């Protein structure tokens, strides 16, 4: 119950890592709010709102509604994101803009409105970046660039707002066993096996394991942790 009665917003809270995070924060006592394209996709949340993080006005409205309902924002888990596995020369400007728009610009919109509402009392931001923001993964230039940008954004916020009691950190997962991942590997079981064995623990992460790392960074157990990346990748980047 490390997050008892804290108001925690999770973007992309309707599926995969986001949904697991909503459930974990709620289990820790938080008042959880899911912002997702599909407003009804996170039944574990105390409140679910439809929100496209690429639209700043929608993000602002969602945060206003949370503050009107619960009085404050204590934690924001910036999770909403999309993947794109396309080599550089085949990536269209439209594909690039879409990935950067959701993963990085969406993170900017969310962080900006979160920090504004945390200024009076402090708070914690947890960005879901990726090991692909630290090391290059094949044929994912847009995704790698977007997640490296998220890491830089988190560090900048940590430095600029530490004096206001606001902490900012990233969780950098390896490959996580989510519906999106299973769809990507459908029909490519041999390749999936190779990727799993590239992780020294020889498996993909569970969404709940990423959620556990996020709950730690959101809690007072991480009170002296800011501006850093918690890599949860089964040893992938160590290799």
C-alpha atoms as a PDB file:
ATOM      1  CA  UNK A   1       0.000   0.000   0.000  1.00  0.00           C
ATOM      2  CA  UNK A   2       2.851   2.383  -0.802  1.00  0.00           C
ATOM      3  CA  UNK A   3       0.573   4.589  -2.914  1.00  0.00           C
ATOM      4  CA  UNK A   4      -2.467   4.765  -0.651  1.00  0.00           C
ATOM      5  CA  UNK A   5      -4.869   7.534  -1.774  1.00  0.00           C
ATOM      6  CA  UNK A   6      -2.439   9.008  -4.306  1.00  0.00           C
ATOM      7  CA  UNK A   7      -3.963  10.080  -7.596  1.00  0.00           C
ATOM      8  CA  UNK A   8      -2.110   8.254 -10.361  1.00  0.00           C
ATOM      9  CA  UNK A   9      -2.691   8.790 -14.074  1.00  0.00           C
ATOM     10  CA  UNK A  10      -1.596   6.120 -16.580  1.00  0.00           C
ATOM     11  CA  UNK A  11      -1.667   6.883 -20.289  1.00  0.00           C
ATOM     12  CA  UNK A  12      -2.394   3.950 -22.546  1.00  0.00           C
ATOM     13  CA  UNK A  13      -3.917   2.270 -19.524  1.00  0.00           C
ATOM     14  CA  UNK A  14      -6.296   0.061 -21.450  1.00  0.00           C
ATOM     15  CA  UNK A  15      -4.028  -2.792 -22.492  1.00  0.00           C
ATOM     16  CA  UNK A  16      -0.645  -4.456 -22.104  1.00  0.00           C
ATOM     17  CA  UNK A  17       1.848  -2.756 -19.810  1.00  0.00           C
ATOM     18  CA  UNK A  18      -0.502   0.155 -19.186  1.00  0.00           C
ATOM     19  CA  UNK A  19      -3.330  -2.044 -17.955  1.00  0.00           C
ATOM     20  CA  UNK A  20      -0.945  -4.043 -15.751  1.00  0.00           C
ATOM     21  CA  UNK A  21       0.287  -0.745 -14.302  1.00  0.00           C
ATOM     22  CA  UNK A  22      -3.239   0.468 -13.577  1.00  0.00           C
ATOM     23  CA  UNK A  23      -3.904  -2.774 -11.719  1.00  0.00           C
ATOM     24  CA  UNK A  24      -0.628  -2.663  -9.774  1.00  0.00           C
ATOM     25  CA  UNK A  25      -1.040   0.942  -8.669  1.00  0.00           C
ATOM     26  CA  UNK A  26      -4.604   0.242  -7.594  1.00  0.00           C
ATOM     27  CA  UNK A  27      -3.380  -2.767  -5.597  1.00  0.00           C
ATOM     28  CA  UNK A  28      -0.901  -0.421  -3.899  1.00  0.00           C
ATOM     29  CA  UNK A  29      -3.806   1.767  -2.762  1.00  0.00           C
ATOM     30  CA  UNK A  30      -3.728   4.426  -5.478  1.00  0.00           C
ATOM     31  CA  UNK A  31      -6.684   6.187  -7.026  1.00  0.00           C
ATOM     32  CA  UNK A  32      -5.907   5.194 -10.609  1.00  0.00           C
ATOM     33  CA  UNK A  33      -6.994   7.014 -13.741  1.00  0.00           C
ATOM     34  CA  UNK A  34      -6.576   5.519 -17.211  1.00  0.00           C
ATOM     35  CA  UNK A  35      -6.232   7.758 -20.254  1.00  0.00           C
ATOM     36  CA  UNK A  36      -6.666   5.710 -23.408  1.00  0.00           C
ATOM     37  CA  UNK A  37      -8.108   5.936 -26.906  1.00  0.00           C
ATOM     38  CA  UNK A  38     -10.648   3.378 -25.674  1.00  0.00           C
ATOM     39  CA  UNK A  39     -12.130   4.886 -22.526  1.00  0.00           C
ATOM     40  CA  UNK A  40     -13.797   1.674 -21.408  1.00  0.00           C
ATOM     41  CA  UNK A  41     -10.770  -0.583 -21.617  1.00  0.00           C
ATOM     42  CA  UNK A  42      -9.443  -0.325 -18.045  1.00  0.00           C
ATOM     43  CA  UNK A  43     -12.078  -1.614 -15.604  1.00  0.00           C
ATOM     44  CA  UNK A  44      -9.497  -1.690 -12.784  1.00  0.00           C
ATOM     45  CA  UNK A  45      -9.236   2.100 -12.885  1.00  0.00           C
ATOM     46  CA  UNK A  46     -11.200   4.387 -10.585  1.00  0.00           C
ATOM     47  CA  UNK A  47     -11.793   6.557 -13.660  1.00  0.00           C
ATOM     48  CA  UNK A  48     -11.241   5.895 -17.371  1.00  0.00           C
ATOM     49  CA  UNK A  49     -11.168   8.752 -19.863  1.00  0.00           C
ATOM     50  CA  UNK A  50     -10.896   8.757 -23.638  1.00  0.00           C
ATOM     51  CA  UNK A  51      -7.759  10.627 -24.638  1.00  0.00           C
ATOM     52  CA  UNK A  52      -5.490  10.824 -27.680  1.00  0.00           C
ATOM     53  CA  UNK A  53      -2.108  11.869 -26.281  1.00  0.00           C
ATOM     54  CA  UNK A  54      -1.092  13.394 -29.622  1.00  0.00           C
ATOM     55  CA  UNK A  55      -3.781  16.058 -29.083  1.00  0.00           C
ATOM     56  CA  UNK A  56      -2.637  18.558 -26.467  1.00  0.00           C
ATOM     57  CA  UNK A  57      -6.150  19.897 -25.935  1.00  0.00           C
ATOM     58  CA  UNK A  58      -7.462  16.414 -25.128  1.00  0.00           C
ATOM     59  CA  UNK A  59      -4.636  15.819 -22.643  1.00  0.00           C
ATOM     60  CA  UNK A  60      -5.272  19.173 -20.968  1.00  0.00           C
ATOM     61  CA  UNK A  61      -8.992  18.434 -20.697  1.00  0.00           C
ATOM     62  CA  UNK A  62      -8.306  15.008 -19.183  1.00  0.00           C
ATOM     63  CA  UNK A  63      -5.993  16.442 -16.528  1.00  0.00           C
ATOM     64  CA  UNK A  64      -8.523  19.172 -15.734  1.00  0.00           C
ATOM     65  CA  UNK A  65     -11.186  16.519 -15.251  1.00  0.00           C
ATOM     66  CA  UNK A  66      -8.956  14.485 -12.937  1.00  0.00           C
ATOM     67  CA  UNK A  67      -8.153  17.534 -10.807  1.00  0.00           C
ATOM     68  CA  UNK A  68     -11.833  18.526 -10.705  1.00  0.00           C
ATOM     69  CA  UNK A  69     -12.759  15.011  -9.588  1.00  0.00           C
ATOM     70  CA  UNK A  70      -9.911  14.193  -7.182  1.00  0.00           C
ATOM     71  CA  UNK A  71      -8.270  17.523  -6.378  1.00  0.00           C
ATOM     72  CA  UNK A  72      -4.714  16.834  -7.532  1.00  0.00           C
ATOM     73  CA  UNK A  73      -2.302  14.666  -9.526  1.00  0.00           C
ATOM     74  CA  UNK A  74       0.426  12.847  -7.595  1.00  0.00           C
ATOM     75  CA  UNK A  75       1.831  10.407 -10.168  1.00  0.00           C
ATOM     76  CA  UNK A  76       1.831  10.235 -13.960  1.00  0.00           C
ATOM     77  CA  UNK A  77       2.920   7.051 -15.709  1.00  0.00           C
ATOM     78  CA  UNK A  78       3.638   8.027 -19.310  1.00  0.00           C
ATOM     79  CA  UNK A  79       3.025   4.727 -21.063  1.00  0.00           C
ATOM     80  CA  UNK A  80       1.082   5.327 -24.296  1.00  0.00           C
ATOM     81  CA  UNK A  81       3.103   4.247 -27.291  1.00  0.00           C
ATOM     82  CA  UNK A  82       3.184   2.443 -30.610  1.00  0.00           C
ATOM     83  CA  UNK A  83       5.790   0.318 -32.379  1.00  0.00           C
ATOM     84  CA  UNK A  84       7.040   0.381 -35.956  1.00  0.00           C
ATOM     85  CA  UNK A  85       9.379  -2.242 -37.362  1.00  0.00           C
ATOM     86  CA  UNK A  86      10.367  -0.711 -40.708  1.00  0.00           C
ATOM     87  CA  UNK A  87      13.934  -0.029 -41.976  1.00  0.00           C
ATOM     88  CA  UNK A  88      15.018   3.580 -42.470  1.00  0.00           C
ATOM     89  CA  UNK A  89      14.814   3.607 -46.270  1.00  0.00           C
ATOM     90  CA  UNK A  90      11.291   2.142 -46.178  1.00  0.00           C
ATOM     91  CA  UNK A  91      10.009   4.450 -43.417  1.00  0.00           C
ATOM     92  CA  UNK A  92       7.717   7.109 -44.832  1.00  0.00           C
ATOM     93  CA  UNK A  93       7.566  10.625 -43.390  1.00  0.00           C
ATOM     94  CA  UNK A  94       4.001   9.845 -42.323  1.00  0.00           C
ATOM     95  CA  UNK A  95       5.099   6.740 -40.406  1.00  0.00           C
ATOM     96  CA  UNK A  96       7.934   8.663 -38.765  1.00  0.00           C
ATOM     97  CA  UNK A  97       5.615  11.478 -37.721  1.00  0.00           C
ATOM     98  CA  UNK A  98       3.073   9.033 -36.311  1.00  0.00           C
ATOM     99  CA  UNK A  99       5.608   7.200 -34.112  1.00  0.00           C
ATOM    100  CA  UNK A 100       7.252  10.411 -32.901  1.00  0.00           C
ATOM    101  CA  UNK A 101       3.820  11.975 -32.397  1.00  0.00           C
ATOM    102  CA  UNK A 102       2.528   9.236 -30.099  1.00  0.00           C
ATOM    103  CA  UNK A 103       5.714   8.158 -28.327  1.00  0.00           C
ATOM    104  CA  UNK A 104       7.577  11.442 -27.872  1.00  0.00           C
ATOM    105  CA  UNK A 105       5.209  14.345 -28.509  1.00  0.00           C
ATOM    106  CA  UNK A 106       2.507  12.497 -26.588  1.00  0.00           C
ATOM    107  CA  UNK A 107       4.962  12.098 -23.704  1.00  0.00           C
ATOM    108  CA  UNK A 108       5.699  15.825 -23.874  1.00  0.00           C
ATOM    109  CA  UNK A 109       2.011  16.734 -23.731  1.00  0.00           C
ATOM    110  CA  UNK A 110       1.415  14.401 -20.793  1.00  0.00           C
ATOM    111  CA  UNK A 111       4.483  15.529 -18.872  1.00  0.00           C
ATOM    112  CA  UNK A 112       3.755  19.215 -19.375  1.00  0.00           C
ATOM    113  CA  UNK A 113       0.242  18.973 -17.977  1.00  0.00           C
ATOM    114  CA  UNK A 114       1.337  16.633 -15.193  1.00  0.00           C
ATOM    115  CA  UNK A 115       4.164  18.880 -14.012  1.00  0.00           C
ATOM    116  CA  UNK A 116       1.934  21.958 -14.068  1.00  0.00           C
ATOM    117  CA  UNK A 117      -0.459  20.248 -11.671  1.00  0.00           C
ATOM    118  CA  UNK A 118       2.295  18.804  -9.473  1.00  0.00           C
ATOM    119  CA  UNK A 119       4.044  22.120  -8.844  1.00  0.00           C
ATOM    120  CA  UNK A 120       2.259  22.973  -5.577  1.00  0.00           C
ATOM    121  CA  UNK A 121       2.957  19.683  -3.779  1.00  0.00           C
ATOM    122  CA  UNK A 122       5.471  17.684  -5.833  1.00  0.00           C
ATOM    123  CA  UNK A 123       4.962  14.325  -7.483  1.00  0.00           C
ATOM    124  CA  UNK A 124       6.500  11.621  -9.608  1.00  0.00           C
ATOM    125  CA  UNK A 125       6.645  10.961 -13.319  1.00  0.00           C
ATOM    126  CA  UNK A 126       7.451   7.488 -14.623  1.00  0.00           C
ATOM    127  CA  UNK A 127       8.109   7.259 -18.354  1.00  0.00           C
ATOM    128  CA  UNK A 128       7.900   3.922 -20.113  1.00  0.00           C
ATOM    129  CA  UNK A 129      10.827   4.155 -22.502  1.00  0.00           C
ATOM    130  CA  UNK A 130      12.558   1.052 -23.864  1.00  0.00           C
ATOM    131  CA  UNK A 131      15.874  -0.711 -24.092  1.00  0.00           C
ATOM    132  CA  UNK A 132      15.618   0.498 -27.716  1.00  0.00           C
ATOM    133  CA  UNK A 133      16.221   4.005 -26.393  1.00  0.00           C
ATOM    134  CA  UNK A 134      19.579   2.815 -25.034  1.00  0.00           C
ATOM    135  CA  UNK A 135      20.763   0.339 -27.674  1.00  0.00           C
ATOM    136  CA  UNK A 136      19.690   0.098 -31.293  1.00  0.00           C
ATOM    137  CA  UNK A 137      17.281  -2.660 -32.246  1.00  0.00           C
ATOM    138  CA  UNK A 138      17.188  -3.713 -35.890  1.00  0.00           C
ATOM    139  CA  UNK A 139      14.865  -2.032 -38.382  1.00  0.00           C
ATOM    140  CA  UNK A 140      13.262   0.306 -35.839  1.00  0.00           C
ATOM    141  CA  UNK A 141      14.814   3.758 -36.441  1.00  0.00           C
ATOM    142  CA  UNK A 142      11.647   5.723 -35.650  1.00  0.00           C
ATOM    143  CA  UNK A 143      10.914   3.706 -32.527  1.00  0.00           C
ATOM    144  CA  UNK A 144      14.520   3.893 -31.278  1.00  0.00           C
ATOM    145  CA  UNK A 145      14.626   7.654 -31.851  1.00  0.00           C
ATOM    146  CA  UNK A 146      11.314   8.197 -30.077  1.00  0.00           C
ATOM    147  CA  UNK A 147      12.344   6.215 -26.999  1.00  0.00           C
ATOM    148  CA  UNK A 148      15.782   7.862 -26.807  1.00  0.00           C
ATOM    149  CA  UNK A 149      13.907  11.171 -26.874  1.00  0.00           C
ATOM    150  CA  UNK A 150      11.682  10.058 -23.997  1.00  0.00           C
ATOM    151  CA  UNK A 151      14.780   9.297 -21.928  1.00  0.00           C
ATOM    152  CA  UNK A 152      16.201  12.756 -22.660  1.00  0.00           C
ATOM    153  CA  UNK A 153      12.888  14.413 -21.802  1.00  0.00           C
ATOM    154  CA  UNK A 154      12.701  12.573 -18.482  1.00  0.00           C
ATOM    155  CA  UNK A 155      16.234  13.581 -17.523  1.00  0.00           C
ATOM    156  CA  UNK A 156      15.575  17.231 -18.378  1.00  0.00           C
ATOM    157  CA  UNK A 157      12.423  17.294 -16.240  1.00  0.00           C
ATOM    158  CA  UNK A 158      14.310  15.666 -13.364  1.00  0.00           C
ATOM    159  CA  UNK A 159      16.932  18.412 -13.411  1.00  0.00           C
ATOM    160  CA  UNK A 160      14.560  21.316 -13.945  1.00  0.00           C
ATOM    161  CA  UNK A 161      11.917  20.404 -11.363  1.00  0.00           C
ATOM    162  CA  UNK A 162      13.769  18.643  -8.563  1.00  0.00           C
ATOM    163  CA  UNK A 163      13.572  21.828  -6.488  1.00  0.00           C
ATOM    164  CA  UNK A 164       9.764  21.587  -6.731  1.00  0.00           C
ATOM    165  CA  UNK A 165       9.716  18.080  -5.279  1.00  0.00           C
ATOM    166  CA  UNK A 166       9.028  16.466  -8.646  1.00  0.00           C
ATOM    167  CA  UNK A 167      10.929  13.297  -9.564  1.00  0.00           C
ATOM    168  CA  UNK A 168      11.187  11.951 -13.108  1.00  0.00           C
ATOM    169  CA  UNK A 169      12.476   8.523 -14.126  1.00  0.00           C
ATOM    170  CA  UNK A 170      12.215   5.973 -16.914  1.00  0.00           C
ATOM    171  CA  UNK A 171      11.551   2.277 -16.990  1.00  0.00           C
ATOM    172  CA  UNK A 172      13.310   0.715 -19.986  1.00  0.00           C
ATOM    173  CA  UNK A 173      11.796  -2.707 -20.686  1.00  0.00           C
ATOM    174  CA  UNK A 174      13.165  -5.405 -22.905  1.00  0.00           C
ATOM    175  CA  UNK A 175      10.640  -7.274 -25.014  1.00  0.00           C
ATOM    176  CA  UNK A 176       7.403  -7.703 -23.065  1.00  0.00           C
ATOM    177  CA  UNK A 177       4.833 -10.441 -23.654  1.00  0.00           C
ATOM    178  CA  UNK A 178       1.831  -8.295 -24.584  1.00  0.00           C
ATOM    179  CA  UNK A 179      -0.911  -8.739 -27.174  1.00  0.00           C
ATOM    180  CA  UNK A 180       0.962  -6.333 -29.467  1.00  0.00           C
ATOM    181  CA  UNK A 181       4.155  -8.389 -29.172  1.00  0.00           C
ATOM    182  CA  UNK A 182       2.343 -11.651 -29.801  1.00  0.00           C
ATOM    183  CA  UNK A 183       0.803 -10.148 -32.920  1.00  0.00           C
ATOM    184  CA  UNK A 184       4.228  -9.005 -34.157  1.00  0.00           C
ATOM    185  CA  UNK A 185       5.677 -12.502 -33.777  1.00  0.00           C
ATOM    186  CA  UNK A 186       2.639 -14.377 -35.118  1.00  0.00           C
ATOM    187  CA  UNK A 187       3.831 -16.851 -37.727  1.00  0.00           C
ATOM    188  CA  UNK A 188       7.478 -16.241 -36.824  1.00  0.00           C
ATOM    189  CA  UNK A 189       7.929 -18.643 -33.925  1.00  0.00           C
ATOM    190  CA  UNK A 190      11.547 -19.484 -34.779  1.00  0.00           C
ATOM    191  CA  UNK A 191      12.477 -15.790 -34.789  1.00  0.00           C
ATOM    192  CA  UNK A 192      10.594 -15.284 -31.512  1.00  0.00           C
ATOM    193  CA  UNK A 193      12.656 -18.075 -29.971  1.00  0.00           C
ATOM    194  CA  UNK A 194      15.870 -16.385 -31.118  1.00  0.00           C
ATOM    195  CA  UNK A 195      14.810 -13.054 -29.620  1.00  0.00           C
ATOM    196  CA  UNK A 196      13.812 -14.688 -26.339  1.00  0.00           C
ATOM    197  CA  UNK A 197      17.205 -16.384 -26.089  1.00  0.00           C
ATOM    198  CA  UNK A 198      18.918 -13.036 -26.732  1.00  0.00           C
ATOM    199  CA  UNK A 199      17.681 -12.106 -23.256  1.00  0.00           C
ATOM    200  CA  UNK A 200      20.023 -13.878 -20.775  1.00  0.00           C
ATOM    201  CA  UNK A 201      16.973 -14.865 -18.698  1.00  0.00           C
ATOM    202  CA  UNK A 202      15.730 -16.618 -21.869  1.00  0.00           C
ATOM    203  CA  UNK A 203      12.224 -15.198 -21.851  1.00  0.00           C
ATOM    204  CA  UNK A 204      10.245 -12.030 -22.401  1.00  0.00           C
ATOM    205  CA  UNK A 205       9.106  -9.866 -19.507  1.00  0.00           C
ATOM    206  CA  UNK A 206       5.582 -10.062 -18.163  1.00  0.00           C
ATOM    207  CA  UNK A 207       3.596  -6.798 -18.153  1.00  0.00           C
ATOM    208  CA  UNK A 208       3.245  -7.183 -14.380  1.00  0.00           C
ATOM    209  CA  UNK A 209       7.039  -7.080 -13.987  1.00  0.00           C
ATOM    210  CA  UNK A 210       7.221  -3.715 -15.734  1.00  0.00           C
ATOM    211  CA  UNK A 211       4.310  -2.503 -13.616  1.00  0.00           C
ATOM    212  CA  UNK A 212       6.179  -3.525 -10.455  1.00  0.00           C
ATOM    213  CA  UNK A 213       9.193  -1.444 -11.482  1.00  0.00           C
ATOM    214  CA  UNK A 214       6.918   1.509 -12.195  1.00  0.00           C
ATOM    215  CA  UNK A 215       5.221   1.214  -8.809  1.00  0.00           C
ATOM    216  CA  UNK A 216       8.627   1.330  -7.124  1.00  0.00           C
ATOM    217  CA  UNK A 217       9.664   4.502  -8.978  1.00  0.00           C
ATOM    218  CA  UNK A 218       6.302   6.118  -8.211  1.00  0.00           C
ATOM    219  CA  UNK A 219       6.564   5.361  -4.504  1.00  0.00           C
ATOM    220  CA  UNK A 220       8.496   6.896  -1.621  1.00  0.00           C
ATOM    221  CA  UNK A 221      10.810   3.877  -1.720  1.00  0.00           C
ATOM    222  CA  UNK A 222      12.409   5.732  -4.652  1.00  0.00           C
ATOM    223  CA  UNK A 223      12.432   9.119  -2.887  1.00  0.00           C
ATOM    224  CA  UNK A 224      16.102   9.751  -3.775  1.00  0.00           C
ATOM    225  CA  UNK A 225      15.845   8.373  -7.315  1.00  0.00           C
ATOM    226  CA  UNK A 226      15.418  10.872 -10.137  1.00  0.00           C
ATOM    227  CA  UNK A 227      16.794  11.412 -13.619  1.00  0.00           C
ATOM    228  CA  UNK A 228      17.643   7.765 -14.136  1.00  0.00           C
ATOM    229  CA  UNK A 229      16.628   4.735 -16.185  1.00  0.00           C
ATOM    230  CA  UNK A 230      15.605   1.466 -14.548  1.00  0.00           C
ATOM    231  CA  UNK A 231      16.389  -1.175 -17.170  1.00  0.00           C
ATOM    232  CA  UNK A 232      14.096  -4.208 -16.908  1.00  0.00           C
ATOM    233  CA  UNK A 233      15.320  -6.264 -19.836  1.00  0.00           C
ATOM    234  CA  UNK A 234      16.314  -9.699 -18.547  1.00  0.00           C
ATOM    235  CA  UNK A 235      19.971  -8.810 -19.109  1.00  0.00           C
ATOM    236  CA  UNK A 236      19.609  -7.946 -22.823  1.00  0.00           C
ATOM    237  CA  UNK A 237      21.625  -4.720 -22.762  1.00  0.00           C
ATOM    238  CA  UNK A 238      24.278  -6.219 -20.484  1.00  0.00           C
ATOM    239  CA  UNK A 239      25.091  -8.607 -23.316  1.00  0.00           C
END
